[in-house]
């Protein structure tokens, strides 16, 4: 069974959730960033992040791309928001380097831009 997270806070929103934070059962924190929408279902890139770095993102001290690329050896995941709002999001672990994908936000993507 795949790991799950529960969304905890919406950090950026425009016609739907663009960036959010979540926690797993052990309390580890994650950041999710939208990568596409198909048939009304949003797909997100998800990566673990230290609480301090999430605060830095919220306060405009770091951009989203930089946060997601910190600790490149860390696992990264994809998830879909097809569940009911009170249900956890299932994380699907991905292979290969994140920086080799098209899933990263543009450089200098700060919240609210």
Protein backbone atom coordinates (compact mmCIF):
# COMPACT_ATOMS: atom_id res chain seq x y z
CA UNK A 1 0.00 0.00 0.00
CA UNK A 2 1.22 3.50 -0.82
CA UNK A 3 1.86 6.12 1.85
CA UNK A 4 -0.75 8.84 2.32
CA UNK A 5 -0.83 12.44 3.44
CA UNK A 6 -3.60 14.68 4.66
CA UNK A 7 -3.63 18.22 3.28
CA UNK A 8 -3.15 20.77 6.06
CA UNK A 9 -3.03 24.18 4.36
CA UNK A 10 -3.61 25.75 0.97
CA UNK A 11 -0.68 28.03 0.16
CA UNK A 12 -1.73 29.23 -3.30
CA UNK A 13 -5.10 29.06 -5.04
CA UNK A 14 -6.45 30.13 -8.43
CA UNK A 15 -9.48 28.28 -9.82
CA UNK A 16 -8.32 25.39 -7.62
CA UNK A 17 -5.48 24.49 -5.30
CA UNK A 18 -2.09 25.25 -6.82
CA UNK A 19 0.20 24.66 -3.82
CA UNK A 20 -0.59 22.98 -0.50
CA UNK A 21 1.07 21.47 2.55
CA UNK A 22 0.27 18.09 4.05
CA UNK A 23 1.38 15.66 6.76
CA UNK A 24 1.77 11.92 6.85
CA UNK A 25 0.81 9.70 9.79
CA UNK A 26 4.21 10.21 11.44
CA UNK A 27 3.95 14.02 11.22
CA UNK A 28 6.44 14.55 8.39
CA UNK A 29 5.51 17.58 6.31
CA UNK A 30 5.15 17.78 2.53
CA UNK A 31 4.56 20.40 -0.14
CA UNK A 32 2.37 19.68 -3.15
CA UNK A 33 2.45 21.65 -6.41
CA UNK A 34 -0.09 21.24 -9.23
CA UNK A 35 1.34 19.82 -12.45
CA UNK A 36 -1.80 19.32 -14.56
CA UNK A 37 -5.56 18.83 -14.65
CA UNK A 38 -7.28 16.15 -16.70
CA UNK A 39 -11.02 15.46 -16.74
CA UNK A 40 -11.44 17.68 -13.68
CA UNK A 41 -8.86 15.79 -11.61
CA UNK A 42 -5.79 17.71 -10.48
CA UNK A 43 -2.42 15.95 -10.37
CA UNK A 44 0.29 17.15 -7.97
CA UNK A 45 4.02 16.76 -7.47
CA UNK A 46 4.67 16.12 -3.76
CA UNK A 47 7.94 16.28 -1.86
CA UNK A 48 8.89 16.25 1.81
CA UNK A 49 9.99 19.58 3.25
CA UNK A 50 11.29 20.83 6.59
CA UNK A 51 8.84 23.03 8.50
CA UNK A 52 11.36 25.92 8.50
CA UNK A 53 11.64 25.77 4.71
CA UNK A 54 7.85 25.73 4.36
CA UNK A 55 7.78 28.89 6.49
CA UNK A 56 10.46 30.39 4.24
CA UNK A 57 8.23 29.64 1.23
CA UNK A 58 5.19 31.20 2.92
CA UNK A 59 7.17 34.32 3.85
CA UNK A 60 8.67 34.81 0.38
CA UNK A 61 12.26 33.96 1.37
CA UNK A 62 12.47 31.02 -1.05
CA UNK A 63 10.72 30.19 -4.30
CA UNK A 64 8.78 26.96 -4.83
CA UNK A 65 11.18 25.46 -7.38
CA UNK A 66 14.16 25.94 -5.04
CA UNK A 67 12.26 24.30 -2.19
CA UNK A 68 11.31 21.29 -4.30
CA UNK A 69 14.88 20.85 -5.55
CA UNK A 70 16.47 20.94 -2.09
CA UNK A 71 17.88 17.57 -1.11
CA UNK A 72 17.72 16.10 -4.62
CA UNK A 73 18.20 12.56 -3.32
CA UNK A 74 14.91 12.73 -1.39
CA UNK A 75 11.97 10.78 -2.71
CA UNK A 76 9.30 12.54 -4.68
CA UNK A 77 5.74 11.53 -5.44
CA UNK A 78 2.68 12.14 -7.56
CA UNK A 79 -0.85 12.29 -6.17
CA UNK A 80 -4.35 12.99 -7.49
CA UNK A 81 -7.18 14.88 -5.82
CA UNK A 82 -9.94 12.53 -6.92
CA UNK A 83 -10.92 11.69 -3.33
CA UNK A 84 -13.48 13.37 -1.12
CA UNK A 85 -12.05 16.45 0.66
CA UNK A 86 -11.73 14.68 4.02
CA UNK A 87 -9.86 11.68 2.57
CA UNK A 88 -6.05 11.31 2.56
CA UNK A 89 -4.10 11.65 -0.67
CA UNK A 90 -2.27 8.52 -1.80
CA UNK A 91 1.39 9.11 -2.69
CA UNK A 92 2.83 7.30 -5.71
CA UNK A 93 6.63 7.19 -5.46
CA UNK A 94 8.48 8.19 -8.63
CA UNK A 95 11.79 7.02 -10.06
CA UNK A 96 14.55 9.15 -11.51
CA UNK A 97 15.68 12.66 -10.75
CA UNK A 98 12.96 15.24 -10.25
CA UNK A 99 14.98 17.89 -12.09
CA UNK A 100 14.81 15.75 -15.27
CA UNK A 101 10.99 16.06 -15.39
CA UNK A 102 8.67 18.74 -16.69
CA UNK A 103 6.88 18.84 -13.33
CA UNK A 104 8.80 21.67 -11.65
CA UNK A 105 7.32 25.15 -11.44
CA UNK A 106 9.06 27.99 -13.25
CA UNK A 107 12.04 29.75 -11.69
CA UNK A 108 11.13 32.45 -9.19
CA UNK A 109 7.60 31.15 -8.51
CA UNK A 110 6.75 32.83 -5.24
CA UNK A 111 3.38 32.29 -3.55
CA UNK A 112 0.75 34.74 -4.72
CA UNK A 113 2.61 35.64 -7.94
